[in-house]
Amino acid sequence: MTTYVITVPGTFLSDVDDVARSELASRLAPHHTDLSETEDVELLTVHEGGTFSVRLEVEAPDRATAEDEAVRLLASALVELGFSEKDAPLGPPAVTGVDGEF
């Protein structure tokens, strides 16, 4: 298995307060560990205008599986916080870090 850091962009189409941001980061924190912290990568970045990026660490056999898992984790956390796919659409994921044997 390989550890991937996957960046998933998205856009909050409604205002998101600090409490919701903090809760989202808290729910995703277990997927932001050694590799992310070593590389000093922020888990959640929210920009003006509601665009955001989430960086998750995922163990997977390949890039495609890692990207799918990161999107699934983020989408699930958003739904748990009351954000539908229409409230916070996600963009295409990208591998932004890899740690493993090749």
N, C-alpha and C. Protein backbone atom coordinates (compact mmCIF):
# COMPACT_ATOMS: atom_id res chain seq x y z
N MET A 1 0.84 -1.18 0.00
CA MET A 1 0.00 0.00 0.00
C MET A 1 0.88 1.24 0.00
N THR A 2 0.36 2.27 -0.57
CA THR A 2 1.05 3.54 -0.67
C THR A 2 0.22 4.61 0.04
N THR A 3 0.88 5.55 0.66
CA THR A 3 0.19 6.67 1.29
C THR A 3 0.20 7.83 0.30
N TYR A 4 -0.98 8.35 0.01
CA TYR A 4 -1.14 9.48 -0.91
C TYR A 4 -1.71 10.67 -0.14
N VAL A 5 -1.26 11.86 -0.49
CA VAL A 5 -1.93 13.07 -0.04
C VAL A 5 -2.74 13.53 -1.25
N ILE A 6 -4.05 13.59 -1.06
CA ILE A 6 -4.96 13.97 -2.14
C ILE A 6 -5.57 15.31 -1.81
N THR A 7 -5.52 16.24 -2.76
CA THR A 7 -6.15 17.54 -2.60
C THR A 7 -7.47 17.52 -3.37
N VAL A 8 -8.53 17.87 -2.65
CA VAL A 8 -9.87 17.93 -3.26
C VAL A 8 -10.36 19.37 -3.14
N PRO A 9 -10.59 20.03 -4.28
CA PRO A 9 -11.11 21.40 -4.24
C PRO A 9 -12.63 21.38 -4.20
N GLY A 10 -13.19 22.48 -3.77
CA GLY A 10 -14.64 22.60 -3.76
C GLY A 10 -15.04 24.04 -3.56
N THR A 11 -16.34 24.26 -3.52
CA THR A 11 -16.88 25.60 -3.32
C THR A 11 -18.07 25.53 -2.40
N PHE A 12 -18.04 26.29 -1.31
CA PHE A 12 -19.22 26.45 -0.47
C PHE A 12 -20.09 27.50 -1.14
N LEU A 13 -21.31 27.12 -1.50
CA LEU A 13 -22.20 28.06 -2.18
C LEU A 13 -23.04 28.88 -1.22
N SER A 14 -22.88 28.64 0.08
CA SER A 14 -23.51 29.46 1.11
C SER A 14 -22.44 29.77 2.15
N ASP A 15 -22.73 30.72 3.01
CA ASP A 15 -21.76 31.10 4.03
C ASP A 15 -21.48 29.93 4.97
N VAL A 16 -20.21 29.79 5.33
CA VAL A 16 -19.79 28.75 6.25
C VAL A 16 -19.10 29.43 7.42
N ASP A 17 -19.66 29.22 8.62
CA ASP A 17 -19.08 29.88 9.79
C ASP A 17 -17.87 29.11 10.33
N ASP A 18 -17.20 29.72 11.27
CA ASP A 18 -16.00 29.12 11.85
C ASP A 18 -16.30 27.79 12.55
N VAL A 19 -17.48 27.67 13.14
CA VAL A 19 -17.85 26.43 13.83
C VAL A 19 -17.94 25.28 12.82
N ALA A 20 -18.58 25.53 11.67
CA ALA A 20 -18.70 24.49 10.64
C ALA A 20 -17.34 24.13 10.07
N ARG A 21 -16.48 25.10 9.86
CA ARG A 21 -15.13 24.84 9.37
C ARG A 21 -14.35 23.98 10.36
N SER A 22 -14.45 24.35 11.62
CA SER A 22 -13.75 23.62 12.66
C SER A 22 -14.27 22.18 12.77
N GLU A 23 -15.57 22.00 12.68
CA GLU A 23 -16.16 20.67 12.75
C GLU A 23 -15.73 19.82 11.55
N LEU A 24 -15.68 20.41 10.37
CA LEU A 24 -15.24 19.69 9.18
C LEU A 24 -13.79 19.24 9.36
N ALA A 25 -12.94 20.15 9.81
CA ALA A 25 -11.53 19.81 10.03
C ALA A 25 -11.41 18.71 11.09
N SER A 26 -12.21 18.78 12.12
CA SER A 26 -12.17 17.78 13.18
C SER A 26 -12.57 16.40 12.66
N ARG A 27 -13.59 16.33 11.82
CA ARG A 27 -14.04 15.05 11.27
C ARG A 27 -13.01 14.44 10.32
N LEU A 28 -12.25 15.29 9.66
CA LEU A 28 -11.26 14.81 8.69
C LEU A 28 -9.86 14.64 9.28
N ALA A 29 -9.67 15.09 10.51
CA ALA A 29 -8.35 15.06 11.15
C ALA A 29 -7.67 13.69 11.15
N PRO A 30 -8.40 12.58 11.31
CA PRO A 30 -7.72 11.28 11.27
C PRO A 30 -7.05 10.97 9.93
N HIS A 31 -7.37 11.75 8.90
CA HIS A 31 -6.79 11.53 7.57
C HIS A 31 -5.79 12.63 7.23
N HIS A 32 -5.20 13.20 8.27
CA HIS A 32 -4.18 14.25 8.12
C HIS A 32 -3.12 13.94 9.16
N THR A 33 -2.20 13.04 8.79
CA THR A 33 -1.26 12.53 9.79
C THR A 33 0.19 12.75 9.39
N ASP A 34 1.01 11.74 9.56
CA ASP A 34 2.46 11.86 9.44
C ASP A 34 2.96 12.58 8.19
N LEU A 35 2.60 12.08 7.02
CA LEU A 35 3.11 12.67 5.78
C LEU A 35 2.66 14.12 5.65
N SER A 36 1.40 14.37 5.92
CA SER A 36 0.87 15.74 5.81
C SER A 36 1.57 16.68 6.78
N GLU A 37 1.74 16.22 8.02
CA GLU A 37 2.36 17.07 9.03
C GLU A 37 3.84 17.29 8.73
N THR A 38 4.53 16.28 8.23
CA THR A 38 5.94 16.41 7.87
C THR A 38 6.11 17.44 6.75
N GLU A 39 5.20 17.42 5.81
CA GLU A 39 5.26 18.35 4.67
C GLU A 39 4.63 19.70 5.00
N ASP A 40 4.13 19.87 6.24
CA ASP A 40 3.49 21.11 6.68
C ASP A 40 2.32 21.51 5.77
N VAL A 41 1.46 20.54 5.51
CA VAL A 41 0.31 20.73 4.63
C VAL A 41 -0.93 21.02 5.47
N GLU A 42 -1.64 22.07 5.14
CA GLU A 42 -2.88 22.41 5.84
C GLU A 42 -3.98 21.44 5.44
N LEU A 43 -4.78 21.01 6.40
CA LEU A 43 -5.89 20.10 6.14
C LEU A 43 -6.99 20.80 5.33
N LEU A 44 -7.40 21.97 5.78
CA LEU A 44 -8.51 22.69 5.15
C LEU A 44 -8.10 24.14 4.95
N THR A 45 -8.26 24.61 3.73
CA THR A 45 -8.02 26.01 3.41
C THR A 45 -9.29 26.55 2.76
N VAL A 46 -9.84 27.63 3.31
CA VAL A 46 -11.03 28.25 2.74
C VAL A 46 -10.63 29.65 2.27
N HIS A 47 -10.94 29.92 1.02
CA HIS A 47 -10.58 31.20 0.41
C HIS A 47 -11.80 32.11 0.34
N GLU A 48 -11.53 33.38 0.09
CA GLU A 48 -12.60 34.34 -0.13
C GLU A 48 -13.45 33.86 -1.30
N GLY A 49 -14.73 34.03 -1.19
CA GLY A 49 -15.62 33.58 -2.25
C GLY A 49 -16.12 32.16 -2.04
N GLY A 50 -15.67 31.52 -0.97
CA GLY A 50 -16.18 30.20 -0.63
C GLY A 50 -15.44 29.02 -1.23
N THR A 51 -14.43 29.27 -2.06
CA THR A 51 -13.68 28.12 -2.59
C THR A 51 -12.82 27.55 -1.47
N PHE A 52 -12.60 26.25 -1.54
CA PHE A 52 -11.81 25.60 -0.50
C PHE A 52 -11.00 24.46 -1.08
N SER A 53 -10.01 24.02 -0.31
CA SER A 53 -9.21 22.86 -0.65
C SER A 53 -9.05 22.03 0.62
N VAL A 54 -9.21 20.73 0.47
CA VAL A 54 -8.99 19.80 1.56
C VAL A 54 -7.90 18.84 1.14
N ARG A 55 -6.95 18.61 2.03
CA ARG A 55 -5.85 17.70 1.75
C ARG A 55 -5.94 16.53 2.71
N LEU A 56 -6.16 15.35 2.15
CA LEU A 56 -6.34 14.14 2.96
C LEU A 56 -5.28 13.11 2.64
N GLU A 57 -4.84 12.42 3.66
CA GLU A 57 -3.90 11.33 3.51
C GLU A 57 -4.70 10.04 3.41
N VAL A 58 -4.43 9.26 2.37
CA VAL A 58 -5.19 8.03 2.12
C VAL A 58 -4.22 6.90 1.78
N GLU A 59 -4.43 5.76 2.39
CA GLU A 59 -3.67 4.54 2.05
C GLU A 59 -4.44 3.82 0.95
N ALA A 60 -3.76 3.53 -0.15
CA ALA A 60 -4.44 2.86 -1.26
C ALA A 60 -3.42 2.16 -2.15
N PRO A 61 -3.91 1.18 -2.93
CA PRO A 61 -3.00 0.47 -3.81
C PRO A 61 -2.58 1.27 -5.05
N ASP A 62 -3.40 2.29 -5.40
CA ASP A 62 -3.08 3.09 -6.59
C ASP A 62 -3.71 4.48 -6.48
N ARG A 63 -3.28 5.35 -7.39
CA ARG A 63 -3.71 6.75 -7.40
C ARG A 63 -5.22 6.89 -7.52
N ALA A 64 -5.82 6.19 -8.45
CA ALA A 64 -7.26 6.32 -8.70
C ALA A 64 -8.08 5.93 -7.47
N THR A 65 -7.68 4.86 -6.81
CA THR A 65 -8.38 4.42 -5.61
C THR A 65 -8.22 5.46 -4.50
N ALA A 66 -7.03 6.03 -4.38
CA ALA A 66 -6.78 7.06 -3.37
C ALA A 66 -7.64 8.29 -3.62
N GLU A 67 -7.72 8.72 -4.86
CA GLU A 67 -8.54 9.89 -5.19
C GLU A 67 -10.01 9.61 -4.89
N ASP A 68 -10.51 8.45 -5.27
CA ASP A 68 -11.90 8.09 -5.00
C ASP A 68 -12.19 8.08 -3.51
N GLU A 69 -11.28 7.51 -2.73
CA GLU A 69 -11.47 7.43 -1.29
C GLU A 69 -11.46 8.81 -0.64
N ALA A 70 -10.58 9.70 -1.09
CA ALA A 70 -10.53 11.05 -0.55
C ALA A 70 -11.83 11.80 -0.83
N VAL A 71 -12.34 11.68 -2.03
CA VAL A 71 -13.61 12.34 -2.38
C VAL A 71 -14.74 11.77 -1.54
N ARG A 72 -14.74 10.45 -1.36
CA ARG A 72 -15.79 9.81 -0.56
C ARG A 72 -15.75 10.29 0.89
N LEU A 73 -14.55 10.35 1.46
CA LEU A 73 -14.40 10.81 2.84
C LEU A 73 -14.87 12.25 3.01
N LEU A 74 -14.47 13.12 2.11
CA LEU A 74 -14.86 14.52 2.19
C LEU A 74 -16.35 14.69 1.97
N ALA A 75 -16.90 14.05 0.95
CA ALA A 75 -18.34 14.17 0.68
C ALA A 75 -19.17 13.68 1.86
N SER A 76 -18.74 12.58 2.47
CA SER A 76 -19.44 12.04 3.63
C SER A 76 -19.41 13.02 4.81
N ALA A 77 -18.25 13.61 5.07
CA ALA A 77 -18.13 14.58 6.17
C ALA A 77 -19.01 15.80 5.91
N LEU A 78 -19.04 16.27 4.67
CA LEU A 78 -19.88 17.42 4.34
C LEU A 78 -21.36 17.11 4.54
N VAL A 79 -21.79 15.94 4.11
CA VAL A 79 -23.20 15.54 4.28
C VAL A 79 -23.54 15.45 5.76
N GLU A 80 -22.64 14.88 6.56
CA GLU A 80 -22.88 14.78 8.01
C GLU A 80 -23.04 16.16 8.64
N LEU A 81 -22.43 17.18 8.05
CA LEU A 81 -22.54 18.54 8.57
C LEU A 81 -23.70 19.31 7.95
N GLY A 82 -24.46 18.65 7.08
CA GLY A 82 -25.64 19.29 6.49
C GLY A 82 -25.43 19.95 5.15
N PHE A 83 -24.29 19.71 4.52
CA PHE A 83 -24.01 20.27 3.20
C PHE A 83 -24.29 19.22 2.13
N SER A 84 -25.25 19.49 1.28
CA SER A 84 -25.52 18.58 0.17
C SER A 84 -24.48 18.79 -0.92
N GLU A 85 -24.50 17.91 -1.90
CA GLU A 85 -23.59 18.05 -3.04
C GLU A 85 -23.82 19.38 -3.76
N LYS A 86 -25.07 19.87 -3.73
CA LYS A 86 -25.39 21.16 -4.37
C LYS A 86 -24.89 22.34 -3.54
N ASP A 87 -24.80 22.16 -2.21
CA ASP A 87 -24.34 23.23 -1.32
C ASP A 87 -22.82 23.41 -1.35
N ALA A 88 -22.11 22.31 -1.63
CA ALA A 88 -20.65 22.33 -1.62
C ALA A 88 -20.13 21.38 -2.70
N PRO A 89 -20.28 21.76 -3.98
CA PRO A 89 -19.78 20.88 -5.04
C PRO A 89 -18.27 20.73 -4.97
N LEU A 90 -17.82 19.52 -5.30
CA LEU A 90 -16.39 19.22 -5.27
C LEU A 90 -15.82 19.18 -6.68
N GLY A 91 -14.56 19.57 -6.79
CA GLY A 91 -13.87 19.51 -8.07
C GLY A 91 -13.07 18.23 -8.17
N PRO A 92 -12.31 18.09 -9.25
CA PRO A 92 -11.51 16.88 -9.44
C PRO A 92 -10.35 16.80 -8.45
N PRO A 93 -10.16 15.63 -7.85
CA PRO A 93 -9.06 15.46 -6.90
C PRO A 93 -7.72 15.37 -7.62
N ALA A 94 -6.66 15.66 -6.88
CA ALA A 94 -5.30 15.56 -7.44
C ALA A 94 -4.35 15.02 -6.39
N VAL A 95 -3.41 14.21 -6.82
CA VAL A 95 -2.37 13.71 -5.93
C VAL A 95 -1.37 14.84 -5.71
N THR A 96 -1.14 15.19 -4.45
CA THR A 96 -0.18 16.25 -4.14
C THR A 96 0.96 15.76 -3.26
N GLY A 97 0.97 14.45 -2.98
CA GLY A 97 2.05 13.86 -2.21
C GLY A 97 1.95 12.35 -2.24
N VAL A 98 3.11 11.68 -2.21
CA VAL A 98 3.15 10.22 -2.23
C VAL A 98 4.27 9.77 -1.32
N ASP A 99 3.98 8.74 -0.54
CA ASP A 99 5.00 8.13 0.32
C ASP A 99 4.79 6.62 0.26
N GLY A 100 5.70 5.93 -0.38
CA GLY A 100 5.57 4.48 -0.49
C GLY A 100 6.64 3.91 -1.39
N GLU A 101 6.61 2.61 -1.52
CA GLU A 101 7.57 1.94 -2.39
C GLU A 101 7.00 1.80 -3.79
N PHE A 102 7.87 1.96 -4.78
CA PHE A 102 7.43 1.86 -6.17
C PHE A 102 8.19 0.80 -6.89
